[in-house]
Protein backbone atom coordinates (compact mmCIF):
# COMPACT_ATOMS: atom_id res chain seq x y z
CA MET A 1 0.00 0.00 0.00
CA ALA A 2 2.00 3.00 -1.29
CA GLN A 3 -0.68 5.62 -0.65
CA GLU A 4 -0.77 7.86 2.41
CA PRO A 5 -2.48 6.20 5.40
CA LEU A 6 -6.07 7.20 6.15
CA LEU A 7 -5.48 6.45 9.84
CA ARG A 8 -2.12 6.62 11.56
CA CYS A 9 -1.43 6.29 15.27
CA SER A 10 2.00 6.32 16.86
CA GLY A 11 3.49 6.33 20.35
CA MET A 12 0.12 5.39 21.84
CA ASP A 13 0.12 4.98 25.64
CA LYS A 14 -2.80 4.29 27.97
CA SER A 15 -2.76 3.23 31.63
CA PHE A 16 -5.46 2.41 34.17
CA ALA A 17 -4.66 3.09 37.84
CA GLY A 18 -0.98 3.12 36.94
CA VAL A 19 -1.11 -0.23 35.09
CA PRO A 20 -0.11 0.14 31.40
CA ALA A 21 -2.65 -1.19 28.90
CA LEU A 22 -0.96 0.30 25.81
CA ARG A 23 2.72 1.10 25.48
CA ASP A 24 4.11 2.86 22.40
CA VAL A 25 1.55 1.24 20.09
CA HIS A 26 1.65 2.11 16.40
CA MET A 27 -0.68 1.18 13.53
CA SER A 28 -1.73 2.64 10.19
CA VAL A 29 -4.52 1.86 7.70
CA ALA A 30 -4.88 3.12 4.14
CA ALA A 31 -8.10 3.69 2.22
CA GLY A 32 -9.21 0.44 0.57
CA GLU A 33 -7.10 -1.65 2.95
CA VAL A 34 -8.27 -4.42 5.29
CA ARG A 35 -5.96 -4.57 8.31
CA ALA A 36 -6.14 -7.41 10.82
CA LEU A 37 -5.73 -6.46 14.46
CA ILE A 38 -5.07 -9.49 16.65
CA GLY A 39 -3.69 -10.57 19.99
CA GLN A 40 -4.55 -12.75 22.96
CA ASN A 41 -6.81 -11.66 25.82
CA GLY A 42 -5.31 -8.63 27.55
CA ALA A 43 -3.09 -7.76 24.59
CA GLY A 44 -4.67 -4.29 24.28
CA LYS A 45 -6.94 -4.65 21.22
CA SER A 46 -10.11 -3.35 22.88
CA THR A 47 -8.26 -0.53 24.62
CA LEU A 48 -6.71 0.60 21.34
CA ILE A 49 -10.10 0.58 19.60
CA LYS A 50 -11.68 2.60 22.43
CA VAL A 51 -8.86 5.14 22.37
CA LEU A 52 -9.16 5.55 18.60
CA THR A 53 -12.94 6.02 18.77
CA GLY A 54 -13.06 8.43 21.71
CA VAL A 55 -14.28 6.12 24.47
CA TYR A 56 -10.96 6.55 26.33
CA ARG A 57 -8.56 9.50 26.21
CA ARG A 58 -4.99 8.51 25.43
CA ASP A 59 -2.18 9.35 27.84
CA ALA A 60 0.36 9.91 25.08
CA GLY A 61 0.77 9.53 21.34
CA GLN A 62 -0.55 11.01 18.11
CA VAL A 63 -3.52 10.06 15.93
CA GLU A 64 -4.02 11.35 12.40
CA PHE A 65 -7.18 10.72 10.39
CA ALA A 66 -7.63 11.79 6.77
CA GLY A 67 -4.42 13.80 7.03
CA ASN A 68 -5.39 15.78 10.13
CA PRO A 69 -4.44 15.37 13.81
CA VAL A 70 -7.51 14.21 15.76
CA ASP A 71 -8.49 13.60 19.36
CA PHE A 72 -12.05 12.27 19.32
CA THR A 73 -13.95 12.87 22.55
CA SER A 74 -16.77 10.35 21.93
CA THR A 75 -17.91 7.67 19.53
CA GLN A 76 -20.37 10.18 18.07
CA ASP A 77 -17.47 12.55 17.40
CA ALA A 78 -15.59 9.73 15.65
CA GLN A 79 -18.68 8.80 13.60
CA ARG A 80 -19.22 12.38 12.46
CA ASN A 81 -15.66 12.39 11.15
CA GLY A 82 -16.03 9.08 9.28
CA LEU A 83 -14.73 6.47 11.75
CA ALA A 84 -17.36 3.90 12.79
CA THR A 85 -17.16 0.81 14.98
CA ILE A 86 -19.11 -2.45 14.90
CA TYR A 87 -18.75 -4.36 18.14
CA GLN A 88 -18.84 -8.10 18.79
CA GLU A 89 -22.12 -7.71 20.67
CA VAL A 90 -24.57 -5.96 18.36
CA ASN A 91 -25.02 -2.53 19.95
CA LEU A 92 -28.45 -1.65 18.60
CA VAL A 93 -32.01 -1.30 19.93
CA PRO A 94 -33.61 -4.75 19.58
CA TYR A 95 -37.28 -3.77 19.81
CA ARG A 96 -37.05 -0.89 17.34
CA SER A 97 -37.42 -1.55 13.64
CA VAL A 98 -34.49 -2.34 11.36
CA ALA A 99 -34.97 1.02 9.67
CA GLU A 100 -34.97 2.92 12.95
CA ASN A 101 -31.75 1.21 13.99
CA ILE A 102 -30.04 2.22 10.76
CA CYS A 103 -31.22 5.83 10.85
CA ILE A 104 -31.54 6.48 14.59
CA GLY A 105 -30.27 9.91 15.58
CA ARG A 106 -30.29 11.25 12.03
CA ALA A 107 -33.69 10.26 10.63
CA ARG A 108 -35.00 12.45 7.83
CA ARG A 109 -37.76 14.84 8.79
CA ARG A 110 -40.57 16.56 6.96
CA PHE A 111 -42.48 19.47 8.46
CA GLY A 112 -40.77 18.70 11.79
CA LEU A 113 -41.91 15.06 11.84
CA ILE A 114 -39.97 11.91 11.00
CA ASP A 115 -40.44 11.03 7.34
CA TRP A 116 -40.98 7.29 7.79
CA LYS A 117 -41.30 6.66 4.06
CA ALA A 118 -37.86 8.18 3.46
CA VAL A 119 -36.36 6.40 6.50
CA ASN A 120 -37.62 2.99 5.35
CA ALA A 121 -36.49 3.63 1.78
CA GLU A 122 -32.98 4.59 2.91
CA ALA A 123 -32.75 1.49 5.13
CA ARG A 124 -33.81 -0.80 2.26
CA GLU A 125 -31.29 0.85 -0.04
CA ARG A 126 -28.40 0.54 2.40
CA LEU A 127 -29.18 -3.11 3.19
CA ALA A 128 -29.60 -3.95 -0.50
CA ALA A 129 -26.06 -2.67 -1.05
CA LEU A 130 -25.01 -5.41 1.39
CA ASP A 131 -27.17 -7.97 -0.43
CA VAL A 132 -29.66 -8.08 2.46
CA HIS A 133 -33.37 -7.94 1.63
CA VAL A 134 -35.70 -7.90 4.65
CA ASP A 135 -38.79 -6.08 5.87
CA VAL A 136 -37.16 -3.03 7.47
CA THR A 137 -40.32 -2.13 9.40
CA ARG A 138 -40.14 -5.23 11.59
CA PRO A 139 -38.33 -5.15 14.98
CA LEU A 140 -34.65 -6.01 14.76
CA VAL A 141 -35.01 -8.69 17.46
CA GLU A 142 -37.15 -10.81 15.11
CA TYR A 143 -34.19 -11.39 12.79
CA PRO A 144 -31.22 -13.76 13.22
CA ILE A 145 -27.92 -12.45 14.51
CA ALA A 146 -26.46 -12.36 10.98
CA THR A 147 -29.13 -9.87 9.86
CA GLN A 148 -28.56 -7.85 13.02
CA GLN A 149 -24.83 -7.76 12.27
CA MET A 150 -25.51 -6.56 8.71
CA THR A 151 -27.84 -3.91 10.13
CA ALA A 152 -25.00 -2.69 12.35
CA ILE A 153 -22.73 -2.49 9.28
CA ALA A 154 -25.40 -0.61 7.32
CA ARG A 155 -25.73 1.87 10.20
CA ALA A 156 -21.96 2.38 10.33
CA LEU A 157 -21.84 3.03 6.60
CA SER A 158 -24.80 5.42 6.85
CA PHE A 159 -22.39 7.91 8.42
CA ASP A 160 -20.39 7.79 5.16
CA ALA A 161 -17.67 6.04 7.10
CA LYS A 162 -14.20 6.15 5.60
CA LEU A 163 -12.96 3.55 8.09
CA VAL A 164 -14.94 0.81 9.82
CA ILE A 165 -13.56 -1.09 12.81
CA MET A 166 -15.11 -4.56 13.09
CA ASP A 167 -14.51 -6.13 16.50
CA GLU A 168 -15.06 -9.92 16.28
CA PRO A 169 -18.00 -9.52 13.85
CA THR A 170 -18.10 -13.23 12.97
CA SER A 171 -18.03 -14.66 16.51
CA SER A 172 -21.79 -15.32 16.54
CA LEU A 173 -22.23 -16.21 12.87
CA ALA A 174 -22.62 -19.57 11.18
CA GLU A 175 -20.25 -20.58 8.37
CA ARG A 176 -22.53 -19.46 5.54
CA GLU A 177 -23.14 -16.10 7.26
CA VAL A 178 -19.41 -15.61 7.75
CA ALA A 179 -18.85 -16.12 4.02
CA THR A 180 -21.46 -13.44 3.28
CA LEU A 181 -19.83 -10.99 5.68
CA LEU A 182 -16.38 -11.58 4.17
CA ASP A 183 -17.83 -10.85 0.73
CA VAL A 184 -19.23 -7.59 2.10
CA ILE A 185 -15.80 -6.66 3.48
CA ARG A 186 -14.19 -7.30 0.09
CA ARG A 187 -16.84 -5.15 -1.59
CA LEU A 188 -16.26 -2.29 0.87
CA ARG A 189 -12.51 -2.55 0.28
CA ASP A 190 -13.05 -2.31 -3.48
CA GLU A 191 -15.12 0.83 -2.89
CA GLY A 192 -12.24 2.44 -0.99
CA VAL A 193 -13.47 1.93 2.58
CA ALA A 194 -10.73 1.05 5.06
CA ILE A 195 -11.42 -1.84 7.47
CA VAL A 196 -9.78 -2.79 10.78
CA PHE A 197 -10.79 -6.42 11.26
CA VAL A 198 -10.47 -8.06 14.68
CA SER A 199 -10.85 -11.84 14.66
CA HIS A 200 -9.34 -14.90 16.32
CA ARG A 201 -10.06 -17.12 13.31
CA LEU A 202 -6.91 -17.42 11.22
CA ASP A 203 -8.68 -18.65 8.09
CA GLU A 204 -10.79 -15.47 8.01
CA LEU A 205 -7.73 -13.25 8.46
CA TYR A 206 -5.87 -14.86 5.58
CA ALA A 207 -8.98 -14.86 3.39
CA VAL A 208 -9.75 -11.16 3.58
CA CYS A 209 -6.92 -9.10 5.15
CA ASP A 210 -4.11 -7.28 3.36
CA THR A 211 -2.00 -6.32 6.35
CA ILE A 212 -1.76 -7.27 10.01
CA THR A 213 -0.93 -5.68 13.34
CA VAL A 214 -0.22 -7.99 16.28
CA LEU A 215 -0.41 -6.72 19.86
CA ARG A 216 1.09 -8.49 22.85
CA ASP A 217 1.18 -7.14 26.40
CA GLY A 218 0.02 -3.73 25.16
CA ARG A 219 2.76 -3.36 22.52
CA THR A 220 2.90 -3.67 18.75
CA VAL A 221 5.01 -6.76 18.10
CA ALA A 222 4.31 -7.24 14.38
CA ASP A 223 3.18 -4.88 11.60
CA SER A 224 3.45 -6.20 8.05
CA PRO A 225 1.62 -7.48 4.97
CA ILE A 226 -0.17 -10.63 6.06
CA SER A 227 1.34 -12.55 3.14
CA GLU A 228 4.77 -12.17 4.77
CA LEU A 229 3.68 -13.86 8.01
CA SER A 230 2.88 -17.58 7.93
CA ARG A 231 0.18 -18.98 10.21
CA TYR A 232 2.87 -20.71 12.20
CA ASP A 233 4.85 -17.50 12.73
CA LEU A 234 1.67 -15.56 13.46
CA VAL A 235 0.66 -17.86 16.31
CA SER A 236 4.22 -17.78 17.67
CA THR A 237 4.19 -13.99 17.61
CA MET A 238 0.82 -13.77 19.35
CA LEU A 239 1.86 -16.09 22.16
CA GLY A 240 5.39 -14.73 22.49
CA ARG A 241 6.94 -18.15 21.99
CA GLU A 242 10.28 -18.61 20.27
CA LEU A 243 10.17 -21.99 18.57
CA THR A 244 13.94 -22.19 18.35
CA GLU A 245 14.25 -22.68 22.11
CA SER A 246 14.59 -26.22 23.35
CA GLU A 247 11.26 -27.93 23.79
CA ARG A 248 10.14 -28.86 27.26
CA ARG A 249 8.18 -32.00 28.08
CA GLY A 250 6.42 -33.00 31.25
CA GLN A 251 7.66 -36.12 33.01
CA HIS A 252 4.85 -37.72 35.00
CA VAL A 253 5.10 -40.90 37.03
CA GLY A 254 1.52 -41.84 36.21
CA ALA A 255 1.58 -40.90 32.54
CA THR A 256 2.01 -44.40 31.14
CA ALA A 257 -0.10 -46.04 33.83
CA THR A 258 -3.20 -44.07 32.82
CA ALA A 259 -3.13 -45.44 29.26
CA ALA A 260 -4.79 -48.66 30.48
CA ALA A 261 -7.14 -46.93 32.93
CA PRO A 262 -10.90 -46.97 32.25
CA THR A 263 -12.52 -44.06 30.44
CA VAL A 264 -14.61 -41.95 32.81
CA LEU A 265 -15.80 -39.15 30.49
CA GLU A 266 -15.87 -38.88 26.73
CA ALA A 267 -17.19 -36.33 24.24
CA ARG A 268 -17.66 -37.36 20.64
CA ASP A 269 -18.10 -34.85 17.81
CA LEU A 270 -19.90 -32.15 19.84
CA ARG A 271 -21.53 -29.49 17.71
CA ARG A 272 -23.28 -26.19 18.36
CA ALA A 273 -22.90 -23.56 15.66
CA PRO A 274 -20.91 -21.45 15.51
CA VAL A 275 -18.73 -22.32 18.55
CA LEU A 276 -18.46 -26.13 18.35
CA ASN A 277 -17.83 -27.93 15.10
CA GLY A 278 -16.71 -31.45 15.98
CA SER A 279 -15.09 -31.25 19.41
CA SER A 280 -13.98 -34.60 20.86
CA VAL A 281 -12.05 -35.49 24.01
CA THR A 282 -11.54 -38.63 26.14
CA LEU A 283 -10.65 -38.59 29.83
CA ARG A 284 -9.39 -41.66 31.72
CA ARG A 285 -9.24 -42.27 35.46
CA GLY A 286 -6.31 -40.56 37.18
CA GLU A 287 -5.35 -38.65 34.05
CA VAL A 288 -4.76 -34.95 33.40
CA VAL A 289 -5.85 -34.07 29.87
CA GLY A 290 -5.13 -30.59 28.55
CA LEU A 291 -7.29 -28.61 26.15
CA ALA A 292 -5.15 -26.29 24.02
CA GLY A 293 -6.15 -23.74 21.42
CA LEU A 294 -6.28 -20.07 20.66
CA LEU A 295 -8.97 -17.74 21.97
CA GLY A 296 -12.26 -18.80 20.36
CA SER A 297 -11.11 -22.32 19.51
CA GLY A 298 -13.92 -23.92 21.54
CA ARG A 299 -12.06 -24.90 24.70
CA SER A 300 -14.44 -23.32 27.24
CA GLU A 301 -17.46 -24.21 25.11
CA THR A 302 -16.44 -27.88 25.18
CA ALA A 303 -16.04 -27.76 28.96
CA ARG A 304 -19.42 -26.07 29.45
CA ALA A 305 -21.11 -28.64 27.20
CA LEU A 306 -19.61 -31.49 29.23
CA PHE A 307 -20.92 -29.88 32.42
CA GLY A 308 -24.44 -29.30 31.09
CA ALA A 309 -24.04 -25.51 31.25
CA ASP A 310 -24.60 -25.07 27.50
CA PRO A 311 -26.59 -27.35 25.17
CA VAL A 312 -25.23 -29.06 22.05
CA THR A 313 -27.18 -29.76 18.87
CA ASP A 314 -25.27 -32.89 17.93
CA GLY A 315 -22.68 -35.30 19.27
CA GLU A 316 -22.45 -37.71 22.20
CA ILE A 317 -21.27 -37.56 25.80
CA HIS A 318 -20.47 -40.77 27.69
CA ARG A 319 -19.96 -41.13 31.45
CA ASP A 320 -18.33 -44.43 32.45
CA GLY A 321 -19.21 -45.79 29.02
CA GLU A 322 -22.91 -44.92 29.29
CA PRO A 323 -24.45 -42.22 27.04
CA VAL A 324 -25.63 -39.17 28.98
CA ARG A 325 -26.95 -35.72 28.13
CA PHE A 326 -26.83 -33.38 31.10
CA ALA A 327 -29.71 -30.90 30.96
CA SER A 328 -28.18 -28.77 33.70
CA PRO A 329 -25.05 -28.44 35.86
CA GLN A 330 -27.02 -30.00 38.73
CA GLU A 331 -27.24 -33.26 36.78
CA ALA A 332 -23.51 -33.16 36.08
CA ILE A 333 -22.77 -32.57 39.77
CA ARG A 334 -24.92 -35.59 40.67
CA ALA A 335 -22.78 -37.56 38.19
CA ARG A 336 -19.74 -36.48 40.27
CA ILE A 337 -18.40 -33.90 37.83
CA GLY A 338 -17.09 -30.52 39.00
CA PHE A 339 -16.41 -27.45 36.89
CA ASN A 340 -14.23 -24.46 37.78
CA SER A 341 -15.05 -21.62 35.34
CA GLU A 342 -12.36 -19.35 33.88
CA ASP A 343 -14.39 -16.33 35.02
CA ARG A 344 -13.44 -16.44 38.70
CA LYS A 345 -15.23 -13.19 39.55
CA GLY A 346 -18.28 -13.50 37.31
CA GLU A 347 -19.07 -17.23 37.63
CA GLY A 348 -16.93 -18.39 40.57
CA ILE A 349 -16.76 -16.55 43.83
CA ILE A 350 -19.75 -14.95 45.57
CA PRO A 351 -17.83 -11.87 46.76
CA ASP A 352 -20.09 -10.84 49.65
CA LEU A 353 -20.25 -14.34 51.14
CA SER A 354 -17.72 -15.81 53.53
CA VAL A 355 -15.06 -18.37 52.69
CA ARG A 356 -17.13 -20.94 54.59
CA GLU A 357 -20.22 -20.26 52.47
CA ASN A 358 -18.26 -20.20 49.21
CA ILE A 359 -16.57 -23.54 49.90
CA THR A 360 -19.79 -25.39 50.73
CA LEU A 361 -21.99 -23.79 48.06
CA ALA A 362 -22.11 -26.84 45.75
CA LEU A 363 -22.38 -29.19 48.75
CA LEU A 364 -25.22 -27.31 50.42
CA PRO A 365 -28.05 -29.76 49.53
CA ARG A 366 -26.15 -32.56 51.29
CA LEU A 367 -25.58 -30.43 54.41
CA LEU A 368 -29.26 -29.77 55.04
CA ARG A 369 -30.99 -31.49 57.93
CA ARG A 370 -34.74 -30.78 57.98
CA GLY A 371 -34.10 -27.73 55.86
CA ILE A 372 -31.38 -26.31 58.12
CA VAL A 373 -27.64 -26.37 57.42
CA ASP A 374 -25.74 -28.74 59.70
CA ARG A 375 -23.19 -26.19 60.92
CA GLY A 376 -21.04 -28.76 62.69
CA ARG A 377 -20.57 -30.86 59.58
CA GLN A 378 -20.10 -27.73 57.47
CA GLN A 379 -17.36 -26.47 59.79
CA GLU A 380 -15.59 -29.84 59.75
CA ILE A 381 -15.50 -29.88 55.94
CA VAL A 382 -14.39 -26.26 55.68
CA ASP A 383 -11.58 -26.70 58.20
CA ARG A 384 -10.38 -29.86 56.43
CA PHE A 385 -10.07 -28.22 53.03
CA ILE A 386 -8.58 -24.99 54.36
CA ARG A 387 -5.80 -27.14 55.84
CA ARG A 388 -5.45 -29.41 52.83
CA LEU A 389 -5.17 -26.56 50.32
CA ASP A 390 -3.27 -24.28 52.71
CA ILE A 391 -5.68 -21.39 52.16
CA LYS A 392 -4.30 -18.19 53.72
CA LEU A 393 -7.08 -16.30 55.52
CA ALA A 394 -8.02 -14.62 58.77
CA GLY A 395 -10.77 -17.17 59.40
CA PRO A 396 -13.53 -19.09 57.59
CA ASP A 397 -16.00 -16.23 58.15
CA GLN A 398 -13.82 -13.75 56.28
CA LYS A 399 -15.32 -12.47 53.01
CA ILE A 400 -13.79 -14.25 50.04
CA SER A 401 -13.42 -10.92 48.22
CA GLU A 402 -10.77 -9.95 50.80
CA LEU A 403 -8.51 -12.88 49.82
CA SER A 404 -5.76 -12.80 47.20
CA GLY A 405 -6.50 -14.18 43.72
CA GLY A 406 -4.53 -17.37 44.43
CA ASN A 407 -6.41 -18.04 47.65
CA GLN A 408 -9.75 -17.32 45.97
CA GLN A 409 -8.84 -19.94 43.38
CA LYS A 410 -8.02 -22.42 46.14
CA VAL A 411 -11.43 -21.78 47.71
CA LEU A 412 -13.09 -22.57 44.38
CA LEU A 413 -11.07 -25.79 44.12
CA ALA A 414 -12.15 -26.67 47.64
CA ARG A 415 -15.78 -26.06 46.65
CA TRP A 416 -15.61 -28.88 44.12
CA LEU A 417 -13.27 -31.19 46.02
CA CYS A 418 -15.61 -31.32 49.00
CA THR A 419 -18.31 -32.79 46.70
CA ASP A 420 -15.99 -35.81 46.18
CA PRO A 421 -15.92 -35.61 42.37
CA GLU A 422 -14.51 -38.23 40.04
CA VAL A 423 -14.01 -35.68 37.24
CA LEU A 424 -12.85 -32.11 37.68
CA ILE A 425 -12.89 -29.61 34.80
CA LEU A 426 -10.54 -26.67 35.40
CA ASP A 427 -10.78 -23.71 33.01
CA GLU A 428 -7.70 -21.47 33.34
CA PRO A 429 -7.18 -22.29 37.06
CA THR A 430 -3.93 -20.31 37.32
CA ARG A 431 -4.90 -17.19 35.36
CA GLY A 432 -4.32 -13.92 37.18
CA ILE A 433 -2.54 -15.33 40.22
CA ASP A 434 1.03 -14.95 41.40
CA VAL A 435 3.81 -17.39 40.56
CA GLY A 436 3.90 -19.00 44.01
CA ALA A 437 0.14 -19.68 44.12
CA LYS A 438 0.28 -20.95 40.54
CA GLN A 439 2.90 -23.54 41.46
CA GLU A 440 0.88 -24.65 44.48
CA ILE A 441 -2.23 -25.19 42.35
CA GLN A 442 -0.26 -27.04 39.66
CA ASN A 443 1.20 -29.36 42.31
CA LEU A 444 -2.25 -29.92 43.79
CA VAL A 445 -3.73 -30.86 40.40
CA ARG A 446 -1.01 -33.46 39.93
CA GLU A 447 -1.55 -34.88 43.42
CA LEU A 448 -5.29 -35.14 42.82
CA ALA A 449 -4.70 -37.04 39.58
CA ASP A 450 -2.25 -39.37 41.28
CA ASP A 451 -5.00 -40.10 43.82
CA GLY A 452 -7.35 -41.17 40.99
CA LEU A 453 -9.19 -37.92 40.13
CA SER A 454 -9.60 -37.28 36.40
CA VAL A 455 -8.79 -33.68 35.43
CA LEU A 456 -9.62 -31.81 32.24
CA LEU A 457 -7.30 -28.78 32.25
CA ILE A 458 -7.77 -25.75 30.02
CA SER A 459 -4.86 -23.32 29.86
CA SER A 460 -3.56 -20.64 27.51
CA GLU A 461 -0.04 -21.26 28.79
CA LEU A 462 1.64 -23.93 26.70
CA GLU A 463 4.32 -24.53 29.31
CA GLU A 464 1.63 -25.34 31.87
CA LEU A 465 0.06 -27.92 29.56
CA ILE A 466 3.44 -29.46 28.77
CA THR A 467 4.38 -29.71 32.43
CA ASP A 468 1.06 -30.86 33.87
CA CYS A 469 -0.71 -33.03 31.29
CA ASP A 470 -0.57 -36.71 30.32
CA ARG A 471 -2.28 -35.94 27.01
CA VAL A 472 -3.17 -32.69 25.21
CA VAL A 473 -6.11 -32.25 22.84
CA VAL A 474 -5.79 -29.28 20.48
CA LEU A 475 -8.90 -27.43 19.27
CA ARG A 476 -9.21 -25.05 16.35
CA ASP A 477 -12.38 -23.27 15.21
CA GLY A 478 -14.51 -25.48 17.46
CA ALA A 479 -13.06 -28.80 16.23
CA THR A 480 -10.51 -31.25 17.63
CA VAL A 481 -7.56 -31.21 15.24
CA ALA A 482 -4.84 -33.09 17.16
CA GLU A 483 -4.28 -35.31 20.17
CA LEU A 484 -0.77 -35.31 21.60
CA GLU A 485 0.81 -37.66 24.12
CA GLY A 486 4.24 -38.70 25.31
CA GLU A 487 7.09 -37.04 23.47
CA ASP A 488 4.68 -35.32 21.07
CA ILE A 489 3.53 -32.94 23.84
CA SER A 490 5.68 -29.94 22.93
CA GLU A 491 5.34 -26.27 22.11
CA LYS A 492 6.13 -26.98 18.48
CA SER A 493 3.43 -29.64 18.09
CA MET A 494 0.74 -27.56 19.78
CA LEU A 495 1.57 -24.41 17.82
CA HIS A 496 1.62 -26.42 14.59
CA ALA A 497 -1.88 -27.77 15.28
CA MET A 498 -3.22 -24.35 16.30
CA ALA A 499 -1.81 -22.70 13.20
CA GLU A 500 -2.32 -25.36 10.55
CA GLY A 501 -5.33 -27.27 11.86
CA THR A 502 -3.54 -30.61 11.65
CA ALA A 503 -1.21 -32.63 13.86
CA ALA A 504 2.50 -32.38 13.18
CA THR A 505 4.26 -35.38 11.70
CA GLY A 506 4.38 -38.18 14.25
CA SER A 507 1.44 -36.85 16.27
CA ARG A 508 -1.90 -38.56 16.52
CA GLN A 509 -4.62 -37.23 14.21
CA PRO A 510 -8.00 -37.47 15.97
CA SER A 511 -10.70 -39.54 14.36
CA GLY A 512 -13.39 -37.48 12.71
CA SER A 513 -11.12 -34.49 12.03
CA ARG A 514 -11.97 -32.44 8.97
CA GLU A 515 -9.56 -33.00 6.12
CA GLU A 516 -10.98 -29.99 4.31
CA ASP A 517 -9.65 -27.72 7.09
CA GLU A 518 -6.05 -28.70 6.43
CA VAL A 519 -3.94 -25.76 5.30
CA HIS A 520 -0.39 -26.00 4.01
CA ASP A 521 1.78 -22.98 3.58
């Protein structure tokens, strides 16, 4: 792209309460260019978008748009100047009509009243340009998410946007709808509109993007034409892993012994569009199985399906060889399965309750005697697990919100362990805690497995999976693409599967994997 950039930002800094979110970030986009903006959770993508569009004020740096220095003070200010944003969650008014959503805030008027005929005509015209033909007078909520997403795009373009930022626009779309959206992006590019495209799906990036900016830890770590960065190198750059370093493998005493152990939980070809597209995993007694994959690969969705938290439309789940379909987490708990969510604050701790109450939350039905909690038995259980997990606290009646992140995580582990589970699903159990607490939890997971507990471990840290797991299942775009064990559990093998969608040479290719997803650079 030889032409002058439409948008250029440089030296961008932004901190919250003294903690840097962006540090010397730079990025540029030319008219008629589709630029990918990617990075793991916490890399700074959302912060950068909000700074560019006026939601946050930058601490330092320069932004130029259409050749002029700018400092937008709101999203409306950005829109008026030709920079529009389409968020992952459709940010429209569901019970207003499609036409109202497209024209809201700038509807044409006649004699002081809204000219509904003109509003509806404009909405039809703008949607037709996106190859969408619907009744624009009906409420937006009556249409599928794909139509709502197209409505959001039509609204953004109604401001005569020169640049559109699309933040995970395909995350809720089915495959056919994604193809339609990518065609729309190509058409906008051909018309000279610049696009910043945020997505975790590598196939989409390589299908539609010209250039790419990679953020990691709030910094720009790659900025180049996408054709110059292979999928393999892209994943390595995102994760900050140098593949030339010696590979590390976990050495577990029980690793070979579990190969002959009975299967306690198995998922076969789980599907729920658009998040699961053939996810399969097998868990044996006393085994730690890792789930690896990039953000959006279907790791958490697989775990939630196994626990009955989210339904699936197809596939099978077997518990001790018998087919089951948990309609709710309560049924999974009765089947002696525990699940520790990755969202410790949102779905884990009850911040205003005590440590005692948080630990025994899942066990509460068993502690009732004539409708009243047996406090003696509750106290005995709480004391036992506080000692066993070495939870640091002032006392069991202390609010859990007053504990450190590592000790909060131990309380959540205690919550499930006191139910005497046979299967424990741990989604990012060491995220956001200090190194010492992380090591304690990793050691505890291994001890639990050695005692016969089966653990399904989800982690974004490859080193953690290598060190802790007997087998690692790699997911990509909602499907199982590789199963690694023994010497094949390495950074190189996992990154290869994440990037290419297939197991590296010598690794086990899972049954039912999709040959059509194989990509070779």
